[in-house]
N, C-alpha and C. Protein backbone atom coordinates (compact mmCIF):
# COMPACT_ATOMS: atom_id res chain seq x y z
N MET A 1 -12.55 -35.16 16.13
CA MET A 1 -12.52 -33.76 15.89
C MET A 1 -11.60 -33.35 14.34
N ARG A 2 -12.56 -33.09 13.76
CA ARG A 2 -11.85 -32.55 12.47
C ARG A 2 -10.67 -31.37 12.30
N LYS A 3 -9.39 -32.12 11.31
CA LYS A 3 -8.26 -31.26 11.52
C LYS A 3 -8.58 -30.13 10.57
N SER A 4 -7.47 -28.79 10.61
CA SER A 4 -8.04 -27.83 9.84
C SER A 4 -7.18 -27.44 9.18
N VAL A 5 -6.70 -26.62 8.21
CA VAL A 5 -5.07 -26.14 7.86
C VAL A 5 -4.04 -26.11 7.90
N GLU A 6 -4.21 -25.11 9.60
CA GLU A 6 -3.79 -25.11 10.36
C GLU A 6 -2.93 -26.11 11.27
N ASN A 7 -3.61 -27.30 10.92
CA ASN A 7 -2.78 -28.39 11.53
C ASN A 7 -1.93 -29.11 10.55
N LEU A 8 -1.80 -28.43 9.63
CA LEU A 8 -0.20 -29.09 8.24
C LEU A 8 1.10 -28.60 9.18
N ALA A 9 1.00 -27.92 10.00
CA ALA A 9 2.42 -27.56 10.62
C ALA A 9 2.89 -28.92 11.46
N THR A 10 4.32 -28.52 11.63
CA THR A 10 4.74 -30.16 12.12
C THR A 10 5.20 -30.38 12.76
N SER A 11 5.42 -29.51 14.15
CA SER A 11 5.66 -29.32 15.43
C SER A 11 4.08 -29.56 15.86
N LYS A 12 4.00 -29.61 17.73
CA LYS A 12 2.99 -29.60 18.26
C LYS A 12 3.54 -28.71 18.98
N ILE A 13 2.49 -27.94 19.60
CA ILE A 13 2.52 -26.88 20.97
C ILE A 13 4.26 -26.94 21.42
N THR A 14 3.44 -28.19 22.08
CA THR A 14 4.21 -28.83 23.00
C THR A 14 6.15 -29.74 22.44
N GLY A 15 6.00 -29.64 21.19
CA GLY A 15 7.61 -29.71 20.55
C GLY A 15 7.35 -30.98 20.30
N GLY A 16 6.64 -31.70 20.66
CA GLY A 16 6.09 -32.88 19.66
C GLY A 16 6.15 -33.31 18.32
N ARG A 17 6.73 -33.92 17.43
CA ARG A 17 6.60 -33.90 15.31
C ARG A 17 5.46 -34.39 15.11
N ARG A 18 4.79 -33.83 14.44
CA ARG A 18 3.64 -34.48 13.43
C ARG A 18 3.45 -34.39 12.41
N VAL A 19 3.09 -36.07 11.62
CA VAL A 19 3.18 -35.92 10.33
C VAL A 19 1.70 -35.37 10.14
N PRO A 20 1.63 -34.64 8.75
CA PRO A 20 0.54 -34.08 8.36
C PRO A 20 -0.35 -35.53 7.92
N LEU A 21 -1.55 -35.14 7.34
CA LEU A 21 -1.84 -36.42 6.99
C LEU A 21 -2.06 -36.34 4.86
N ARG A 22 -1.86 -35.04 5.14
CA ARG A 22 -1.97 -34.81 3.60
C ARG A 22 -1.01 -33.83 3.07
N ILE A 23 -0.37 -33.03 1.77
CA ILE A 23 0.17 -31.58 1.29
C ILE A 23 -0.51 -30.54 1.54
N ARG A 24 -0.04 -29.61 1.82
CA ARG A 24 -1.32 -28.10 1.09
C ARG A 24 -1.23 -28.20 -0.22
N ARG A 25 -2.45 -28.18 -0.25
CA ARG A 25 -3.04 -28.12 -1.72
C ARG A 25 -2.89 -26.86 -2.54
N LYS A 26 -2.92 -26.16 -3.23
CA LYS A 26 -1.96 -25.01 -4.09
C LYS A 26 -2.89 -24.01 -3.62
N TYR A 27 -4.86 -24.14 -4.17
CA TYR A 27 -5.52 -22.83 -3.68
C TYR A 27 -5.60 -22.74 -2.37
N GLU A 28 -4.46 -23.14 -1.28
CA GLU A 28 -4.49 -23.22 0.60
C GLU A 28 -3.26 -22.14 0.78
N ILE A 29 -1.96 -22.16 -0.28
CA ILE A 29 -0.79 -21.60 -0.62
C ILE A 29 -0.79 -19.99 -0.59
N ASP A 30 -0.66 -19.24 0.18
CA ASP A 30 -0.72 -18.07 0.13
C ASP A 30 -0.06 -17.34 -0.29
N ARG A 31 -0.22 -15.96 -0.62
CA ARG A 31 1.16 -15.16 -1.50
C ARG A 31 1.37 -13.93 -0.09
N TYR A 32 2.70 -13.23 -1.07
CA TYR A 32 3.22 -12.44 0.21
C TYR A 32 2.28 -10.96 -0.08
N PRO A 33 2.04 -10.49 0.78
CA PRO A 33 0.90 -8.73 0.07
C PRO A 33 1.18 -7.92 -0.03
N ASN A 34 0.48 -7.34 -1.76
CA ASN A 34 0.56 -6.36 -2.02
C ASN A 34 0.84 -5.60 -1.58
N GLU A 35 1.60 -4.51 -1.42
CA GLU A 35 1.62 -2.87 -0.51
C GLU A 35 2.10 -1.92 -1.54
N ALA A 36 1.11 -0.67 -1.33
CA ALA A 36 1.22 0.19 -2.15
C ALA A 36 1.56 0.83 -1.11
N VAL A 37 2.48 2.01 -2.40
CA VAL A 37 3.18 3.10 -1.92
C VAL A 37 3.18 4.04 -3.18
N ASN A 38 3.36 5.46 -2.24
CA ASN A 38 3.46 6.95 -3.32
C ASN A 38 4.02 6.81 -4.27
N GLY A 39 4.30 7.20 -5.02
CA GLY A 39 5.24 6.98 -6.27
C GLY A 39 4.54 7.00 -7.81
N ALA A 40 5.04 6.94 -8.38
CA ALA A 40 4.70 7.09 -9.79
C ALA A 40 3.44 5.12 -10.36
N GLN A 41 2.23 5.84 -10.71
CA GLN A 41 1.57 4.35 -11.09
C GLN A 41 2.20 2.95 -11.74
N GLN A 42 2.02 2.22 -10.86
CA GLN A 42 2.95 1.35 -11.10
C GLN A 42 1.12 -0.47 -11.32
N THR A 43 1.15 -0.61 -11.85
CA THR A 43 -0.31 -2.28 -11.78
C THR A 43 0.49 -3.85 -11.88
N ILE A 44 0.47 -4.58 -11.42
CA ILE A 44 0.18 -5.48 -12.01
C ILE A 44 -0.66 -6.77 -11.87
N THR A 45 -0.73 -7.94 -12.98
CA THR A 45 -2.07 -8.89 -13.19
C THR A 45 -1.43 -9.88 -13.38
N ARG A 46 -2.04 -10.37 -11.72
CA ARG A 46 -1.78 -11.98 -11.74
C ARG A 46 -3.03 -13.33 -11.79
N ARG A 47 -2.97 -14.28 -12.25
CA ARG A 47 -3.84 -15.17 -11.75
C ARG A 47 -4.73 -15.74 -10.99
N VAL A 48 -5.76 -15.35 -10.75
CA VAL A 48 -5.96 -16.53 -9.35
C VAL A 48 -7.08 -17.18 -9.83
N ARG A 49 -7.36 -18.09 -8.23
CA ARG A 49 -8.62 -18.71 -8.60
C ARG A 49 -9.70 -18.62 -9.31
N GLY A 50 -10.01 -19.66 -10.12
CA GLY A 50 -10.82 -19.91 -10.81
C GLY A 50 -10.94 -19.03 -12.29
N ASN A 51 -9.24 -19.06 -12.94
CA ASN A 51 -8.62 -18.44 -14.42
C ASN A 51 -9.37 -16.88 -14.36
N ASN A 52 -9.58 -16.60 -13.08
CA ASN A 52 -9.59 -14.44 -12.62
C ASN A 52 -8.17 -14.17 -13.02
N ASN A 53 -8.37 -12.95 -13.26
CA ASN A 53 -7.68 -12.17 -13.33
C ASN A 53 -8.02 -10.92 -11.88
N LYS A 54 -6.57 -10.54 -11.21
CA LYS A 54 -7.00 -9.75 -10.34
C LYS A 54 -5.24 -8.76 -10.47
N VAL A 55 -5.54 -7.32 -10.22
CA VAL A 55 -4.73 -6.02 -10.80
C VAL A 55 -4.79 -5.76 -9.22
N ALA A 56 -3.56 -5.55 -9.21
CA ALA A 56 -2.89 -4.93 -7.93
C ALA A 56 -1.87 -3.90 -8.16
N LEU A 57 -2.12 -2.28 -7.46
CA LEU A 57 -1.21 -1.39 -6.83
C LEU A 57 0.21 -1.85 -6.73
N LYS A 58 0.95 -1.36 -7.50
CA LYS A 58 2.23 -1.29 -6.67
C LYS A 58 2.65 -0.18 -5.93
N SER A 59 2.66 0.74 -6.87
CA SER A 59 2.38 2.72 -6.17
C SER A 59 2.04 3.34 -6.43
N ILE A 60 0.69 3.92 -6.44
CA ILE A 60 -0.11 4.96 -7.18
C ILE A 60 0.44 6.34 -6.71
N ASP A 61 0.28 7.56 -7.51
CA ASP A 61 0.51 8.75 -7.28
C ASP A 61 -1.29 9.53 -7.61
N PHE A 62 -1.72 9.08 -7.62
CA PHE A 62 -3.04 9.96 -7.83
C PHE A 62 -4.36 9.18 -7.21
N VAL A 63 -5.53 10.01 -6.25
CA VAL A 63 -6.40 8.79 -5.37
C VAL A 63 -8.13 9.69 -6.22
N ASN A 64 -8.92 9.05 -5.94
CA ASN A 64 -9.96 9.04 -6.18
C ASN A 64 -10.96 9.60 -5.17
N LEU A 65 -10.70 10.96 -4.89
CA LEU A 65 -11.92 11.37 -3.73
C LEU A 65 -13.41 12.09 -4.15
N ALA A 66 -13.89 10.94 -3.18
CA ALA A 66 -15.30 11.50 -3.28
C ALA A 66 -14.89 12.79 -2.19
N THR A 67 -16.01 14.38 -2.35
CA THR A 67 -15.91 15.49 -1.77
C THR A 67 -17.41 15.19 -1.63
N SER A 68 -17.38 16.25 -0.18
CA SER A 68 -18.98 16.34 -0.18
C SER A 68 -20.27 17.16 -1.11
N ASN A 69 -19.86 17.72 -1.82
CA ASN A 69 -20.96 17.44 -2.29
C ASN A 69 -21.15 16.48 -4.12
N THR A 70 -20.45 15.84 -3.28
CA THR A 70 -21.04 14.35 -4.48
C THR A 70 -20.49 14.14 -5.66
N LYS A 71 -19.14 14.90 -5.52
CA LYS A 71 -18.55 14.96 -6.84
C LYS A 71 -17.42 13.97 -7.06
N VAL A 72 -16.78 12.99 -7.78
CA VAL A 72 -15.45 12.35 -7.64
C VAL A 72 -13.91 13.21 -8.35
N ILE A 73 -13.27 13.03 -7.88
CA ILE A 73 -12.05 14.47 -8.06
C ILE A 73 -11.14 13.38 -7.91
N LYS A 74 -9.92 13.35 -8.95
CA LYS A 74 -9.26 12.83 -9.25
C LYS A 74 -7.93 13.57 -8.58
N THR A 75 -7.51 13.18 -6.71
CA THR A 75 -6.04 14.22 -6.53
C THR A 75 -4.97 13.71 -6.24
N LYS A 76 -4.36 14.74 -6.61
CA LYS A 76 -2.21 14.00 -6.60
C LYS A 76 -2.36 13.71 -4.72
N ILE A 77 -1.55 12.75 -4.45
CA ILE A 77 -1.05 12.17 -3.24
C ILE A 77 0.03 12.80 -2.63
N ILE A 78 0.13 13.20 -1.73
CA ILE A 78 1.52 14.18 -0.82
C ILE A 78 2.33 13.67 -0.35
N LYS A 79 2.06 13.01 0.16
CA LYS A 79 2.12 11.88 1.55
C LYS A 79 1.10 11.21 2.29
N VAL A 80 1.59 9.81 2.50
CA VAL A 80 0.48 9.42 3.79
C VAL A 80 0.76 9.56 5.13
N ILE A 81 -0.22 9.93 6.18
CA ILE A 81 0.03 10.68 7.21
C ILE A 81 -0.42 9.95 8.46
N ASP A 82 -1.34 9.01 8.29
CA ASP A 82 -1.39 7.83 9.11
C ASP A 82 -2.26 6.22 8.63
N ASN A 83 -1.67 4.83 9.41
CA ASN A 83 -2.27 4.17 8.62
C ASN A 83 -2.33 2.69 9.79
N THR A 84 -4.10 3.06 10.45
CA THR A 84 -3.90 2.81 11.72
C THR A 84 -4.05 0.56 11.52
N THR A 85 -3.73 0.43 10.29
CA THR A 85 -3.75 -0.76 10.35
C THR A 85 -2.54 -1.98 10.32
N ASN A 86 -1.49 -1.07 10.91
CA ASN A 86 -0.14 -1.18 11.42
C ASN A 86 0.78 -0.16 11.48
N ASN A 87 1.49 -0.08 12.58
CA ASN A 87 2.36 0.92 12.94
C ASN A 87 3.47 0.87 11.45
N ASP A 88 3.97 -0.43 11.59
CA ASP A 88 5.09 -0.47 10.54
C ASP A 88 4.86 0.03 8.75
N TYR A 89 3.09 -0.39 8.82
CA TYR A 89 2.50 0.24 7.48
C TYR A 89 3.05 1.71 7.44
N LYS A 90 2.63 2.31 8.49
CA LYS A 90 2.51 3.75 9.03
C LYS A 90 4.28 4.55 8.87
N ARG A 91 4.71 3.81 9.07
CA ARG A 91 6.26 4.07 8.78
C ARG A 91 6.71 3.77 7.09
N ARG A 92 6.56 3.33 6.87
CA ARG A 92 6.79 2.83 5.22
C ARG A 92 6.04 3.60 4.52
N GLY A 93 4.74 3.90 5.01
CA GLY A 93 4.11 4.78 3.83
C GLY A 93 3.64 4.18 3.11
N ILE A 94 2.83 2.47 3.59
CA ILE A 94 1.89 1.85 2.95
C ILE A 94 0.34 2.42 2.56
N ILE A 95 0.24 2.48 1.51
CA ILE A 95 -1.49 2.58 1.30
C ILE A 95 -2.24 1.24 0.77
N SER A 96 -3.37 1.58 2.59
CA SER A 96 -3.76 -0.07 2.48
C SER A 96 -5.40 0.97 3.21
N LYS A 97 -6.47 -0.13 2.99
CA LYS A 97 -8.02 0.43 3.34
C LYS A 97 -8.27 1.02 4.94
N GLY A 98 -8.08 2.32 5.04
CA GLY A 98 -7.65 2.53 6.26
C GLY A 98 -6.97 4.19 6.51
N ALA A 99 -6.33 4.33 5.64
CA ALA A 99 -5.03 4.77 5.37
C ALA A 99 -5.19 6.25 5.13
N ILE A 100 -5.03 7.45 6.18
CA ILE A 100 -4.83 8.74 6.14
C ILE A 100 -3.99 9.39 4.93
N LEU A 101 -4.47 9.57 4.09
CA LEU A 101 -2.95 11.02 3.44
C LEU A 101 -3.61 12.33 3.45
N GLU A 102 -2.88 12.49 2.99
CA GLU A 102 -2.14 14.74 3.01
C GLU A 102 -2.87 14.89 1.00
N THR A 103 -3.32 15.07 0.68
CA THR A 103 -3.16 15.08 -0.95
C THR A 103 -3.40 16.72 -0.64
N LYS A 104 -3.94 17.66 -1.38
CA LYS A 104 -3.59 18.73 -2.74
C LYS A 104 -5.50 19.61 -1.63
N GLU A 105 -6.41 18.73 -1.69
CA GLU A 105 -7.81 18.65 -0.84
C GLU A 105 -7.64 18.47 0.53
N GLY A 106 -7.25 18.34 0.97
CA GLY A 106 -7.20 17.79 2.23
C GLY A 106 -6.62 16.42 2.60
N LYS A 107 -6.95 16.56 3.82
CA LYS A 107 -7.23 15.10 4.65
C LYS A 107 -7.78 14.19 4.03
N CYS A 108 -7.32 12.94 3.60
CA CYS A 108 -8.87 12.19 2.66
C CYS A 108 -8.22 10.57 3.48
N LYS A 109 -9.55 9.43 3.88
CA LYS A 109 -9.76 8.01 4.08
C LYS A 109 -9.36 7.33 3.11
N VAL A 110 -8.77 6.44 3.18
CA VAL A 110 -8.75 5.55 1.32
C VAL A 110 -10.01 4.31 1.86
N VAL A 111 -11.14 3.72 1.17
CA VAL A 111 -12.17 3.05 1.72
C VAL A 111 -11.61 1.97 0.12
N SER A 112 -10.69 1.81 -0.68
CA SER A 112 -10.82 0.81 -1.59
C SER A 112 -9.80 -0.18 -0.93
N ARG A 113 -9.57 -1.03 -1.21
CA ARG A 113 -8.33 -1.90 -1.45
C ARG A 113 -7.44 -1.71 -2.70
N PRO A 114 -6.36 -0.80 -2.22
CA PRO A 114 -5.53 -0.53 -3.38
C PRO A 114 -4.72 -2.25 -4.12
N GLY A 115 -4.32 -2.76 -2.59
CA GLY A 115 -3.64 -4.20 -3.40
C GLY A 115 -4.46 -5.33 -3.65
N GLN A 116 -5.97 -4.96 -3.96
CA GLN A 116 -6.22 -6.00 -4.05
C GLN A 116 -7.57 -5.83 -5.09
N THR A 117 -7.78 -4.48 -5.44
CA THR A 117 -8.75 -4.10 -6.31
C THR A 117 -8.06 -3.14 -7.65
N GLY A 118 -7.06 -2.46 -6.96
CA GLY A 118 -5.95 -1.76 -8.27
C GLY A 118 -6.44 -0.53 -8.47
N ILE A 119 -7.28 -0.29 -7.64
CA ILE A 119 -7.86 1.06 -7.48
C ILE A 119 -8.14 1.60 -6.03
N ALA A 120 -7.47 3.05 -6.12
CA ALA A 120 -7.43 3.93 -4.86
C ALA A 120 -8.72 4.88 -4.50
N ASN A 121 -9.61 4.71 -3.47
CA ASN A 121 -11.02 5.68 -3.91
C ASN A 121 -10.90 6.20 -2.12
N ALA A 122 -11.26 7.47 -1.99
CA ALA A 122 -11.16 7.65 -0.93
C ALA A 122 -12.28 8.92 -0.70
N VAL A 123 -12.38 9.21 0.97
CA VAL A 123 -13.75 10.43 0.89
C VAL A 123 -12.73 11.42 2.15
N LEU A 124 -13.29 12.40 1.58
CA LEU A 124 -12.35 13.53 1.97
C LEU A 124 -13.01 13.66 4.00
N LEU A 125 -12.38 14.14 4.96
CA LEU A 125 -12.57 13.69 6.16
C LEU A 125 -12.90 15.98 6.18
N LYS A 126 -13.28 15.70 7.40
CA LYS A 126 -13.68 16.67 8.08
C LYS A 126 -12.68 17.56 8.77
N GLN A 127 -12.39 19.17 8.19
CA GLN A 127 -11.89 19.57 9.05
C GLN A 127 -11.86 20.42 10.10
């Protein structure tokens, strides 16, 4: 039986102690999630594996909205209505993929990952 990364934990389910065969590698260490909120646009750039850079949004006030007539317009975000990812995200107003936003054009759904890609794209919901 092959041990996975999850087995680097130091205790068994039964409460017994387990000595890991090795420590976690740098590429196995996770980061805190980057959660974009409504506000003046702020981005952060971080180095990721392969010496690449990843741009992430800390806050954003405009969204690229794809309308039904195949045009993309930049529109202001009024508020976050719903976020099916997490009830806590809904309460805190976090903008992630799948979040429903209220804009000047109407309700829209976020289709990009603002915390990963550094841009917020959305599609207009049918009224």
